[in-house]
PDB file of all heavy atoms in Angstrom:
ATOM      1  N   GLU A   1       0.843  -1.193   0.000  1.00  0.00           N
ATOM      2  CA  GLU A   1       0.000   0.000   0.000  1.00  0.00           C
ATOM      3  C   GLU A   1       0.878   1.241   0.000  1.00  0.00           C
ATOM      4  O   GLU A   1       2.055   1.180   0.326  1.00  0.00           O
ATOM      5  CB  GLU A   1      -0.883   0.044   1.252  1.00  0.00           C
ATOM      6  CG  GLU A   1      -1.886  -1.066   1.354  1.00  0.00           C
ATOM      7  CD  GLU A   1      -2.713  -0.978   2.619  1.00  0.00           C
ATOM      8  OE1 GLU A   1      -2.122  -0.942   3.718  1.00  0.00           O
ATOM      9  OE2 GLU A   1      -3.939  -0.925   2.492  1.00  0.00           O
ATOM     10  N   GLY A   2       0.260   2.355  -0.323  1.00  0.00           N
ATOM     11  CA  GLY A   2       0.933   3.638  -0.216  1.00  0.00           C
ATOM     12  C   GLY A   2       0.530   4.329   1.073  1.00  0.00           C
ATOM     13  O   GLY A   2      -0.547   4.079   1.609  1.00  0.00           O
ATOM     14  N   GLN A   3       1.418   5.178   1.573  1.00  0.00           N
ATOM     15  CA  GLN A   3       1.139   5.979   2.750  1.00  0.00           C
ATOM     16  C   GLN A   3       0.982   7.443   2.319  1.00  0.00           C
ATOM     17  O   GLN A   3       1.143   7.769   1.157  1.00  0.00           O
ATOM     18  CB  GLN A   3       2.279   5.848   3.768  1.00  0.00           C
ATOM     19  CG  GLN A   3       2.171   4.607   4.650  1.00  0.00           C
ATOM     20  CD  GLN A   3       2.389   3.307   3.892  1.00  0.00           C
ATOM     21  OE1 GLN A   3       3.370   3.165   3.166  1.00  0.00           O
ATOM     22  NE2 GLN A   3       1.486   2.376   4.046  1.00  0.00           N
ATOM     23  N   PHE A   4       0.715   8.286   3.292  1.00  0.00           N
ATOM     24  CA  PHE A   4       0.480   9.700   2.998  1.00  0.00           C
ATOM     25  C   PHE A   4       1.576  10.592   3.565  1.00  0.00           C
ATOM     26  O   PHE A   4       1.329  11.700   3.981  1.00  0.00           O
ATOM     27  CB  PHE A   4      -0.903  10.120   3.508  1.00  0.00           C
ATOM     28  CG  PHE A   4      -2.000   9.512   2.706  1.00  0.00           C
ATOM     29  CD1 PHE A   4      -2.614   8.353   3.123  1.00  0.00           C
ATOM     30  CD2 PHE A   4      -2.391  10.072   1.498  1.00  0.00           C
ATOM     31  CE1 PHE A   4      -3.614   7.768   2.363  1.00  0.00           C
ATOM     32  CE2 PHE A   4      -3.384   9.495   0.732  1.00  0.00           C
ATOM     33  CZ  PHE A   4      -4.000   8.341   1.168  1.00  0.00           C
ATOM     34  N   ASP A   5       2.810  10.096   3.554  1.00  0.00           N
ATOM     35  CA  ASP A   5       3.966  10.884   3.955  1.00  0.00           C
ATOM     36  C   ASP A   5       4.706  11.265   2.688  1.00  0.00           C
ATOM     37  O   ASP A   5       5.338  10.421   2.053  1.00  0.00           O
ATOM     38  CB  ASP A   5       4.866  10.078   4.885  1.00  0.00           C
ATOM     39  CG  ASP A   5       6.126  10.825   5.245  1.00  0.00           C
ATOM     40  OD1 ASP A   5       6.156  12.060   5.088  1.00  0.00           O
ATOM     41  OD2 ASP A   5       7.092  10.181   5.687  1.00  0.00           O
ATOM     42  N   ALA A   6       4.612  12.502   2.296  1.00  0.00           N
ATOM     43  CA  ALA A   6       5.141  12.924   1.000  1.00  0.00           C
ATOM     44  C   ALA A   6       6.309  13.887   1.114  1.00  0.00           C
ATOM     45  O   ALA A   6       6.711  14.483   0.129  1.00  0.00           O
ATOM     46  CB  ALA A   6       4.017  13.588   0.203  1.00  0.00           C
ATOM     47  N   ALA A   7       6.863  14.033   2.286  1.00  0.00           N
ATOM     48  CA  ALA A   7       7.835  15.096   2.532  1.00  0.00           C
ATOM     49  C   ALA A   7       9.023  15.078   1.575  1.00  0.00           C
ATOM     50  O   ALA A   7       9.544  16.128   1.216  1.00  0.00           O
ATOM     51  CB  ALA A   7       8.322  15.024   3.978  1.00  0.00           C
ATOM     52  N   SER A   8       9.452  13.913   1.139  1.00  0.00           N
ATOM     53  CA  SER A   8      10.666  13.861   0.311  1.00  0.00           C
ATOM     54  C   SER A   8      10.377  13.870  -1.188  1.00  0.00           C
ATOM     55  O   SER A   8      11.302  13.825  -1.988  1.00  0.00           O
ATOM     56  CB  SER A   8      11.465  12.604   0.663  1.00  0.00           C
ATOM     57  OG  SER A   8      10.711  11.451   0.349  1.00  0.00           O
ATOM     58  N   ASN A   9       9.137  13.930  -1.585  1.00  0.00           N
ATOM     59  CA  ASN A   9       8.788  13.893  -3.005  1.00  0.00           C
ATOM     60  C   ASN A   9       8.556  15.285  -3.574  1.00  0.00           C
ATOM     61  O   ASN A   9       8.135  16.192  -2.866  1.00  0.00           O
ATOM     62  CB  ASN A   9       7.518  13.062  -3.220  1.00  0.00           C
ATOM     63  CG  ASN A   9       7.756  11.595  -2.987  1.00  0.00           C
ATOM     64  OD1 ASN A   9       8.739  11.035  -3.448  1.00  0.00           O
ATOM     65  ND2 ASN A   9       6.860  10.967  -2.258  1.00  0.00           N
ATOM     66  N   ALA A  10       8.807  15.406  -4.871  1.00  0.00           N
ATOM     67  CA  ALA A  10       8.485  16.633  -5.596  1.00  0.00           C
ATOM     68  C   ALA A  10       7.260  16.369  -6.462  1.00  0.00           C
ATOM     69  O   ALA A  10       7.108  15.267  -7.006  1.00  0.00           O
ATOM     70  CB  ALA A  10       9.670  17.068  -6.462  1.00  0.00           C
ATOM     71  N   PHE A  11       6.394  17.348  -6.569  1.00  0.00           N
ATOM     72  CA  PHE A  11       5.151  17.215  -7.317  1.00  0.00           C
ATOM     73  C   PHE A  11       5.001  18.377  -8.279  1.00  0.00           C
ATOM     74  O   PHE A  11       5.378  19.509  -7.968  1.00  0.00           O
ATOM     75  CB  PHE A  11       3.950  17.198  -6.362  1.00  0.00           C
ATOM     76  CG  PHE A  11       3.936  16.015  -5.451  1.00  0.00           C
ATOM     77  CD1 PHE A  11       4.601  16.046  -4.236  1.00  0.00           C
ATOM     78  CD2 PHE A  11       3.274  14.856  -5.806  1.00  0.00           C
ATOM     79  CE1 PHE A  11       4.610  14.951  -3.390  1.00  0.00           C
ATOM     80  CE2 PHE A  11       3.265  13.757  -4.977  1.00  0.00           C
ATOM     81  CZ  PHE A  11       3.942  13.800  -3.762  1.00  0.00           C
ATOM     82  N   ALA A  12       4.423  18.079  -9.440  1.00  0.00           N
ATOM     83  CA  ALA A  12       4.071  19.129 -10.397  1.00  0.00           C
ATOM     84  C   ALA A  12       2.558  19.154 -10.530  1.00  0.00           C
ATOM     85  O   ALA A  12       1.899  18.103 -10.491  1.00  0.00           O
ATOM     86  CB  ALA A  12       4.714  18.862 -11.755  1.00  0.00           C
ATOM     87  N   ILE A  13       2.021  20.344 -10.670  1.00  0.00           N
ATOM     88  CA  ILE A  13       0.593  20.528 -10.893  1.00  0.00           C
ATOM     89  C   ILE A  13       0.441  21.321 -12.181  1.00  0.00           C
ATOM     90  O   ILE A  13       1.018  22.406 -12.316  1.00  0.00           O
ATOM     91  CB  ILE A  13      -0.073  21.292  -9.730  1.00  0.00           C
ATOM     92  CG1 ILE A  13       0.205  20.616  -8.392  1.00  0.00           C
ATOM     93  CG2 ILE A  13      -1.578  21.412  -9.973  1.00  0.00           C
ATOM     94  CD1 ILE A  13      -0.224  21.437  -7.183  1.00  0.00           C
ATOM     95  N   VAL A  14      -0.311  20.770 -13.125  1.00  0.00           N
ATOM     96  CA  VAL A  14      -0.570  21.465 -14.378  1.00  0.00           C
ATOM     97  C   VAL A  14      -2.001  21.985 -14.326  1.00  0.00           C
ATOM     98  O   VAL A  14      -2.940  21.212 -14.095  1.00  0.00           O
ATOM     99  CB  VAL A  14      -0.365  20.537 -15.599  1.00  0.00           C
ATOM    100  CG1 VAL A  14      -0.527  21.330 -16.891  1.00  0.00           C
ATOM    101  CG2 VAL A  14       1.001  19.872 -15.545  1.00  0.00           C
ATOM    102  N   VAL A  15      -2.144  23.280 -14.526  1.00  0.00           N
ATOM    103  CA  VAL A  15      -3.416  23.955 -14.316  1.00  0.00           C
ATOM    104  C   VAL A  15      -3.902  24.586 -15.613  1.00  0.00           C
ATOM    105  O   VAL A  15      -3.173  25.349 -16.254  1.00  0.00           O
ATOM    106  CB  VAL A  15      -3.257  25.058 -13.240  1.00  0.00           C
ATOM    107  CG1 VAL A  15      -4.580  25.745 -12.963  1.00  0.00           C
ATOM    108  CG2 VAL A  15      -2.667  24.482 -11.968  1.00  0.00           C
ATOM    109  N   SER A  16      -5.140  24.296 -15.968  1.00  0.00           N
ATOM    110  CA  SER A  16      -5.783  24.924 -17.117  1.00  0.00           C
ATOM    111  C   SER A  16      -6.275  26.311 -16.730  1.00  0.00           C
ATOM    112  O   SER A  16      -6.905  26.479 -15.684  1.00  0.00           O
ATOM    113  CB  SER A  16      -6.965  24.063 -17.571  1.00  0.00           C
ATOM    114  OG  SER A  16      -7.800  24.783 -18.441  1.00  0.00           O
ATOM    115  N   ARG A  17      -6.004  27.297 -17.564  1.00  0.00           N
ATOM    116  CA  ARG A  17      -6.511  28.651 -17.298  1.00  0.00           C
ATOM    117  C   ARG A  17      -8.002  28.782 -17.642  1.00  0.00           C
ATOM    118  O   ARG A  17      -8.679  29.665 -17.134  1.00  0.00           O
ATOM    119  CB  ARG A  17      -5.721  29.676 -18.099  1.00  0.00           C
ATOM    120  CG  ARG A  17      -4.302  29.851 -17.633  1.00  0.00           C
ATOM    121  CD  ARG A  17      -3.647  31.020 -18.362  1.00  0.00           C
ATOM    122  NE  ARG A  17      -2.217  31.074 -18.139  1.00  0.00           N
ATOM    123  CZ  ARG A  17      -1.639  31.582 -17.062  1.00  0.00           C
ATOM    124  NH1 ARG A  17      -2.364  32.071 -16.090  1.00  0.00           N
ATOM    125  NH2 ARG A  17      -0.326  31.595 -16.962  1.00  0.00           N
ATOM    126  N   TRP A  18      -8.515  27.929 -18.516  1.00  0.00           N
ATOM    127  CA  TRP A  18      -9.916  27.981 -18.915  1.00  0.00           C
ATOM    128  C   TRP A  18     -10.775  27.598 -17.714  1.00  0.00           C
ATOM    129  O   TRP A  18     -10.434  26.680 -16.983  1.00  0.00           O
ATOM    130  CB  TRP A  18     -10.155  27.016 -20.072  1.00  0.00           C
ATOM    131  CG  TRP A  18     -11.458  27.248 -20.762  1.00  0.00           C
ATOM    132  CD1 TRP A  18     -12.594  26.514 -20.609  1.00  0.00           C
ATOM    133  CD2 TRP A  18     -11.767  28.268 -21.714  1.00  0.00           C
ATOM    134  NE1 TRP A  18     -13.589  27.016 -21.397  1.00  0.00           N
ATOM    135  CE2 TRP A  18     -13.097  28.109 -22.099  1.00  0.00           C
ATOM    136  CE3 TRP A  18     -11.029  29.317 -22.269  1.00  0.00           C
ATOM    137  CZ2 TRP A  18     -13.729  28.944 -23.015  1.00  0.00           C
ATOM    138  CZ3 TRP A  18     -11.645  30.141 -23.184  1.00  0.00           C
ATOM    139  CH2 TRP A  18     -12.983  29.944 -23.544  1.00  0.00           C
ATOM    140  N   ASN A  19     -11.871  28.276 -17.516  1.00  0.00           N
ATOM    141  CA  ASN A  19     -12.754  28.076 -16.361  1.00  0.00           C
ATOM    142  C   ASN A  19     -12.002  28.317 -15.049  1.00  0.00           C
ATOM    143  O   ASN A  19     -12.180  27.592 -14.063  1.00  0.00           O
ATOM    144  CB  ASN A  19     -13.403  26.691 -16.365  1.00  0.00           C
ATOM    145  CG  ASN A  19     -14.410  26.542 -17.477  1.00  0.00           C
ATOM    146  OD1 ASN A  19     -15.152  27.466 -17.781  1.00  0.00           O
ATOM    147  ND2 ASN A  19     -14.426  25.379 -18.102  1.00  0.00           N
ATOM    148  N   SER A  20     -11.185  29.352 -15.029  1.00  0.00           N
ATOM    149  CA  SER A  20     -10.329  29.627 -13.869  1.00  0.00           C
ATOM    150  C   SER A  20     -11.125  29.883 -12.594  1.00  0.00           C
ATOM    151  O   SER A  20     -10.620  29.636 -11.500  1.00  0.00           O
ATOM    152  CB  SER A  20      -9.402  30.802 -14.152  1.00  0.00           C
ATOM    153  OG  SER A  20     -10.142  31.984 -14.393  1.00  0.00           O
ATOM    154  N   PHE A  21     -12.361  30.334 -12.714  1.00  0.00           N
ATOM    155  CA  PHE A  21     -13.176  30.573 -11.516  1.00  0.00           C
ATOM    156  C   PHE A  21     -13.405  29.273 -10.742  1.00  0.00           C
ATOM    157  O   PHE A  21     -13.639  29.296  -9.540  1.00  0.00           O
ATOM    158  CB  PHE A  21     -14.514  31.234 -11.872  1.00  0.00           C
ATOM    159  CG  PHE A  21     -15.464  30.343 -12.628  1.00  0.00           C
ATOM    160  CD1 PHE A  21     -16.471  29.663 -11.971  1.00  0.00           C
ATOM    161  CD2 PHE A  21     -15.334  30.187 -14.007  1.00  0.00           C
ATOM    162  CE1 PHE A  21     -17.346  28.837 -12.674  1.00  0.00           C
ATOM    163  CE2 PHE A  21     -16.191  29.372 -14.713  1.00  0.00           C
ATOM    164  CZ  PHE A  21     -17.204  28.687 -14.050  1.00  0.00           C
ATOM    165  N   VAL A  22     -13.287  28.143 -11.398  1.00  0.00           N
ATOM    166  CA  VAL A  22     -13.395  26.827 -10.759  1.00  0.00           C
ATOM    167  C   VAL A  22     -12.006  26.234 -10.530  1.00  0.00           C
ATOM    168  O   VAL A  22     -11.702  25.737  -9.441  1.00  0.00           O
ATOM    169  CB  VAL A  22     -14.233  25.863 -11.631  1.00  0.00           C
ATOM    170  CG1 VAL A  22     -14.161  24.441 -11.107  1.00  0.00           C
ATOM    171  CG2 VAL A  22     -15.671  26.328 -11.707  1.00  0.00           C
ATOM    172  N   VAL A  23     -11.164  26.306 -11.535  1.00  0.00           N
ATOM    173  CA  VAL A  23      -9.860  25.633 -11.486  1.00  0.00           C
ATOM    174  C   VAL A  23      -8.945  26.250 -10.429  1.00  0.00           C
ATOM    175  O   VAL A  23      -8.172  25.537  -9.782  1.00  0.00           O
ATOM    176  CB  VAL A  23      -9.203  25.620 -12.879  1.00  0.00           C
ATOM    177  CG1 VAL A  23      -7.857  24.902 -12.829  1.00  0.00           C
ATOM    178  CG2 VAL A  23     -10.121  24.947 -13.890  1.00  0.00           C
ATOM    179  N   ASP A  24      -9.052  27.562 -10.211  1.00  0.00           N
ATOM    180  CA  ASP A  24      -8.246  28.198  -9.165  1.00  0.00           C
ATOM    181  C   ASP A  24      -8.547  27.578  -7.798  1.00  0.00           C
ATOM    182  O   ASP A  24      -7.644  27.413  -6.977  1.00  0.00           O
ATOM    183  CB  ASP A  24      -8.486  29.705  -9.118  1.00  0.00           C
ATOM    184  CG  ASP A  24      -7.888  30.432 -10.311  1.00  0.00           C
ATOM    185  OD1 ASP A  24      -7.123  29.823 -11.089  1.00  0.00           O
ATOM    186  OD2 ASP A  24      -8.213  31.634 -10.484  1.00  0.00           O
ATOM    187  N   LYS A  25      -9.788  27.227  -7.559  1.00  0.00           N
ATOM    188  CA  LYS A  25     -10.174  26.578  -6.290  1.00  0.00           C
ATOM    189  C   LYS A  25      -9.613  25.162  -6.215  1.00  0.00           C
ATOM    190  O   LYS A  25      -9.228  24.692  -5.144  1.00  0.00           O
ATOM    191  CB  LYS A  25     -11.695  26.549  -6.140  1.00  0.00           C
ATOM    192  CG  LYS A  25     -12.330  27.915  -6.070  1.00  0.00           C
ATOM    193  CD  LYS A  25     -11.933  28.630  -4.804  1.00  0.00           C
ATOM    194  CE  LYS A  25     -12.701  29.927  -4.670  1.00  0.00           C
ATOM    195  NZ  LYS A  25     -12.210  30.740  -3.583  1.00  0.00           N
ATOM    196  N   LEU A  26      -9.567  24.457  -7.358  1.00  0.00           N
ATOM    197  CA  LEU A  26      -8.957  23.121  -7.382  1.00  0.00           C
ATOM    198  C   LEU A  26      -7.478  23.218  -7.032  1.00  0.00           C
ATOM    199  O   LEU A  26      -6.953  22.388  -6.273  1.00  0.00           O
ATOM    200  CB  LEU A  26      -9.131  22.477  -8.758  1.00  0.00           C
ATOM    201  CG  LEU A  26     -10.552  22.175  -9.210  1.00  0.00           C
ATOM    202  CD1 LEU A  26     -10.541  21.649 -10.648  1.00  0.00           C
ATOM    203  CD2 LEU A  26     -11.228  21.182  -8.278  1.00  0.00           C
ATOM    204  N   LEU A  27      -6.804  24.228  -7.591  1.00  0.00           N
ATOM    205  CA  LEU A  27      -5.389  24.426  -7.284  1.00  0.00           C
ATOM    206  C   LEU A  27      -5.188  24.711  -5.799  1.00  0.00           C
ATOM    207  O   LEU A  27      -4.282  24.135  -5.172  1.00  0.00           O
ATOM    208  CB  LEU A  27      -4.807  25.559  -8.131  1.00  0.00           C
ATOM    209  CG  LEU A  27      -3.351  25.920  -7.837  1.00  0.00           C
ATOM    210  CD1 LEU A  27      -2.419  24.733  -8.039  1.00  0.00           C
ATOM    211  CD2 LEU A  27      -2.930  27.112  -8.689  1.00  0.00           C
ATOM    212  N   GLU A  28      -6.013  25.569  -5.233  1.00  0.00           N
ATOM    213  CA  GLU A  28      -5.912  25.849  -3.792  1.00  0.00           C
ATOM    214  C   GLU A  28      -6.043  24.564  -2.985  1.00  0.00           C
ATOM    215  O   GLU A  28      -5.301  24.345  -2.019  1.00  0.00           O
ATOM    216  CB  GLU A  28      -6.999  26.838  -3.362  1.00  0.00           C
ATOM    217  CG  GLU A  28      -6.794  28.251  -3.830  1.00  0.00           C
ATOM    218  CD  GLU A  28      -7.971  29.157  -3.484  1.00  0.00           C
ATOM    219  OE1 GLU A  28      -8.747  28.824  -2.555  1.00  0.00           O
ATOM    220  OE2 GLU A  28      -8.125  30.197  -4.149  1.00  0.00           O
ATOM    221  N   GLY A  29      -6.987  23.706  -3.374  1.00  0.00           N
ATOM    222  CA  GLY A  29      -7.177  22.442  -2.671  1.00  0.00           C
ATOM    223  C   GLY A  29      -5.980  21.525  -2.806  1.00  0.00           C
ATOM    224  O   GLY A  29      -5.548  20.895  -1.833  1.00  0.00           O
ATOM    225  N   ALA A  30      -5.423  21.421  -4.014  1.00  0.00           N
ATOM    226  CA  ALA A  30      -4.260  20.555  -4.233  1.00  0.00           C
ATOM    227  C   ALA A  30      -3.056  21.052  -3.433  1.00  0.00           C
ATOM    228  O   ALA A  30      -2.356  20.256  -2.787  1.00  0.00           O
ATOM    229  CB  ALA A  30      -3.925  20.492  -5.724  1.00  0.00           C
ATOM    230  N   LEU A  31      -2.822  22.352  -3.461  1.00  0.00           N
ATOM    231  CA  LEU A  31      -1.703  22.908  -2.699  1.00  0.00           C
ATOM    232  C   LEU A  31      -1.889  22.677  -1.206  1.00  0.00           C
ATOM    233  O   LEU A  31      -0.934  22.318  -0.497  1.00  0.00           O
ATOM    234  CB  LEU A  31      -1.542  24.402  -3.008  1.00  0.00           C
ATOM    235  CG  LEU A  31      -1.065  24.742  -4.411  1.00  0.00           C
ATOM    236  CD1 LEU A  31      -1.174  26.244  -4.664  1.00  0.00           C
ATOM    237  CD2 LEU A  31       0.351  24.247  -4.648  1.00  0.00           C
ATOM    238  N   ASP A  32      -3.096  22.867  -0.719  1.00  0.00           N
ATOM    239  CA  ASP A  32      -3.392  22.627   0.690  1.00  0.00           C
ATOM    240  C   ASP A  32      -3.107  21.171   1.056  1.00  0.00           C
ATOM    241  O   ASP A  32      -2.470  20.885   2.077  1.00  0.00           O
ATOM    242  CB  ASP A  32      -4.855  22.982   0.983  1.00  0.00           C
ATOM    243  CG  ASP A  32      -5.224  22.795   2.439  1.00  0.00           C
ATOM    244  OD1 ASP A  32      -4.469  23.252   3.320  1.00  0.00           O
ATOM    245  OD2 ASP A  32      -6.276  22.178   2.706  1.00  0.00           O
ATOM    246  N   GLY A  33      -3.540  20.246   0.224  1.00  0.00           N
ATOM    247  CA  GLY A  33      -3.313  18.829   0.496  1.00  0.00           C
ATOM    248  C   GLY A  33      -1.838  18.471   0.526  1.00  0.00           C
ATOM    249  O   GLY A  33      -1.392  17.731   1.412  1.00  0.00           O
ATOM    250  N   LEU A  34      -1.086  18.978  -0.431  1.00  0.00           N
ATOM    251  CA  LEU A  34       0.347  18.682  -0.455  1.00  0.00           C
ATOM    252  C   LEU A  34       1.048  19.272   0.767  1.00  0.00           C
ATOM    253  O   LEU A  34       1.839  18.587   1.435  1.00  0.00           O
ATOM    254  CB  LEU A  34       0.980  19.222  -1.743  1.00  0.00           C
ATOM    255  CG  LEU A  34       0.535  18.539  -3.040  1.00  0.00           C
ATOM    256  CD1 LEU A  34       1.114  19.261  -4.252  1.00  0.00           C
ATOM    257  CD2 LEU A  34       0.899  17.062  -3.055  1.00  0.00           C
ATOM    258  N   ARG A  35       0.739  20.516   1.084  1.00  0.00           N
ATOM    259  CA  ARG A  35       1.378  21.169   2.242  1.00  0.00           C
ATOM    260  C   ARG A  35       1.036  20.457   3.539  1.00  0.00           C
ATOM    261  O   ARG A  35       1.905  20.251   4.394  1.00  0.00           O
ATOM    262  CB  ARG A  35       0.937  22.626   2.326  1.00  0.00           C
ATOM    263  CG  ARG A  35       1.488  23.496   1.225  1.00  0.00           C
ATOM    264  CD  ARG A  35       0.905  24.899   1.315  1.00  0.00           C
ATOM    265  NE  ARG A  35       1.321  25.732   0.225  1.00  0.00           N
ATOM    266  CZ  ARG A  35       0.494  26.517  -0.471  1.00  0.00           C
ATOM    267  NH1 ARG A  35      -0.794  26.585  -0.165  1.00  0.00           N
ATOM    268  NH2 ARG A  35       0.956  27.246  -1.464  1.00  0.00           N
ATOM    269  N   ARG A  36      -0.216  20.085   3.710  1.00  0.00           N
ATOM    270  CA  ARG A  36      -0.645  19.416   4.945  1.00  0.00           C
ATOM    271  C   ARG A  36       0.011  18.056   5.132  1.00  0.00           C
ATOM    272  O   ARG A  36       0.044  17.535   6.249  1.00  0.00           O
ATOM    273  CB  ARG A  36      -2.162  19.238   4.964  1.00  0.00           C
ATOM    274  CG  ARG A  36      -2.926  20.499   5.234  1.00  0.00           C
ATOM    275  CD  ARG A  36      -4.427  20.234   5.174  1.00  0.00           C
ATOM    276  NE  ARG A  36      -5.166  21.441   5.301  1.00  0.00           N
ATOM    277  CZ  ARG A  36      -5.794  21.826   6.427  1.00  0.00           C
ATOM    278  NH1 ARG A  36      -5.751  21.058   7.492  1.00  0.00           N
ATOM    279  NH2 ARG A  36      -6.458  22.944   6.453  1.00  0.00           N
ATOM    280  N   HIS A  37       0.524  17.492   4.050  1.00  0.00           N
ATOM    281  CA  HIS A  37       1.179  16.191   4.135  1.00  0.00           C
ATOM    282  C   HIS A  37       2.694  16.305   4.008  1.00  0.00           C
ATOM    283  O   HIS A  37       3.380  15.363   3.631  1.00  0.00           O
ATOM    284  CB  HIS A  37       0.579  15.237   3.106  1.00  0.00           C
ATOM    285  CG  HIS A  37      -0.778  14.783   3.522  1.00  0.00           C
ATOM    286  ND1 HIS A  37      -1.904  15.550   3.304  1.00  0.00           N
ATOM    287  CD2 HIS A  37      -1.188  13.673   4.178  1.00  0.00           C
ATOM    288  CE1 HIS A  37      -2.949  14.914   3.815  1.00  0.00           C
ATOM    289  NE2 HIS A  37      -2.539  13.791   4.346  1.00  0.00           N
ATOM    290  N   GLY A  38       3.223  17.478   4.331  1.00  0.00           N
ATOM    291  CA  GLY A  38       4.648  17.649   4.498  1.00  0.00           C
ATOM    292  C   GLY A  38       5.452  18.021   3.271  1.00  0.00           C
ATOM    293  O   GLY A  38       6.681  18.004   3.316  1.00  0.00           O
ATOM    294  N   VAL A  39       4.802  18.361   2.175  1.00  0.00           N
ATOM    295  CA  VAL A  39       5.548  18.732   0.977  1.00  0.00           C
ATOM    296  C   VAL A  39       5.981  20.194   1.098  1.00  0.00           C
ATOM    297  O   VAL A  39       5.152  21.082   1.295  1.00  0.00           O
ATOM    298  CB  VAL A  39       4.706  18.517  -0.308  1.00  0.00           C
ATOM    299  CG1 VAL A  39       5.517  18.906  -1.546  1.00  0.00           C
ATOM    300  CG2 VAL A  39       4.231  17.074  -0.402  1.00  0.00           C
ATOM    301  N   ALA A  40       7.269  20.419   0.973  1.00  0.00           N
ATOM    302  CA  ALA A  40       7.814  21.770   1.072  1.00  0.00           C
ATOM    303  C   ALA A  40       7.485  22.564  -0.189  1.00  0.00           C
ATOM    304  O   ALA A  40       7.381  21.997  -1.284  1.00  0.00           O
ATOM    305  CB  ALA A  40       9.328  21.702   1.269  1.00  0.00           C
ATOM    306  N   GLU A  41       7.346  23.858  -0.024  1.00  0.00           N
ATOM    307  CA  GLU A  41       7.027  24.744  -1.152  1.00  0.00           C
ATOM    308  C   GLU A  41       7.989  24.547  -2.320  1.00  0.00           C
ATOM    309  O   GLU A  41       7.584  24.555  -3.474  1.00  0.00           O
ATOM    310  CB  GLU A  41       7.058  26.214  -0.716  1.00  0.00           C
ATOM    311  CG  GLU A  41       5.975  26.606   0.249  1.00  0.00           C
ATOM    312  CD  GLU A  41       4.605  26.711  -0.386  1.00  0.00           C
ATOM    313  OE1 GLU A  41       4.508  27.090  -1.568  1.00  0.00           O
ATOM    314  OE2 GLU A  41       3.632  26.395   0.305  1.00  0.00           O
ATOM    315  N   GLU A  42       9.272  24.385  -2.012  1.00  0.00           N
ATOM    316  CA  GLU A  42      10.265  24.252  -3.084  1.00  0.00           C
ATOM    317  C   GLU A  42      10.150  22.919  -3.832  1.00  0.00           C
ATOM    318  O   GLU A  42      10.772  22.736  -4.874  1.00  0.00           O
ATOM    319  CB  GLU A  42      11.689  24.448  -2.557  1.00  0.00           C
ATOM    320  CG  GLU A  42      12.109  23.474  -1.484  1.00  0.00           C
ATOM    321  CD  GLU A  42      11.832  23.953  -0.058  1.00  0.00           C
ATOM    322  OE1 GLU A  42      11.083  24.928   0.132  1.00  0.00           O
ATOM    323  OE2 GLU A  42      12.377  23.323   0.865  1.00  0.00           O
ATOM    324  N   ASN A  43       9.337  22.008  -3.321  1.00  0.00           N
ATOM    325  CA  ASN A  43       9.102  20.723  -3.986  1.00  0.00           C
ATOM    326  C   ASN A  43       7.792  20.697  -4.758  1.00  0.00           C
ATOM    327  O   ASN A  43       7.324  19.628  -5.147  1.00  0.00           O
ATOM    328  CB  ASN A  43       9.143  19.577  -2.980  1.00  0.00           C
ATOM    329  CG  ASN A  43      10.548  19.303  -2.498  1.00  0.00           C
ATOM    330  OD1 ASN A  43      11.519  19.644  -3.166  1.00  0.00           O
ATOM    331  ND2 ASN A  43      10.665  18.700  -1.340  1.00  0.00           N
ATOM    332  N   ILE A  44       7.195  21.867  -4.962  1.00  0.00           N
ATOM    333  CA  ILE A  44       5.955  21.968  -5.730  1.00  0.00           C
ATOM    334  C   ILE A  44       6.183  22.914  -6.901  1.00  0.00           C
ATOM    335  O   ILE A  44       6.646  24.042  -6.722  1.00  0.00           O
ATOM    336  CB  ILE A  44       4.790  22.505  -4.862  1.00  0.00           C
ATOM    337  CG1 ILE A  44       4.563  21.628  -3.631  1.00  0.00           C
ATOM    338  CG2 ILE A  44       3.516  22.615  -5.704  1.00  0.00           C
ATOM    339  CD1 ILE A  44       3.601  22.224  -2.616  1.00  0.00           C
ATOM    340  N   THR A  45       5.862  22.434  -8.095  1.00  0.00           N
ATOM    341  CA  THR A  45       5.934  23.256  -9.304  1.00  0.00           C
ATOM    342  C   THR A  45       4.529  23.361  -9.876  1.00  0.00           C
ATOM    343  O   THR A  45       3.841  22.344 -10.000  1.00  0.00           O
ATOM    344  CB  THR A  45       6.861  22.608 -10.348  1.00  0.00           C
ATOM    345  OG1 THR A  45       8.177  22.520  -9.798  1.00  0.00           O
ATOM    346  CG2 THR A  45       6.886  23.413 -11.643  1.00  0.00           C
TER     347      THR A  45
END
């Protein structure tokens, strides 16, 4: 199984600008999830 300790991993998020009124909220959620599970800002693109 996988665990939810992501501190040592780097993640990329690709965001569509179309429908940004919705997608911006998805990005906020993804960033919140990564940060809450130990991913450092410098490991997020």
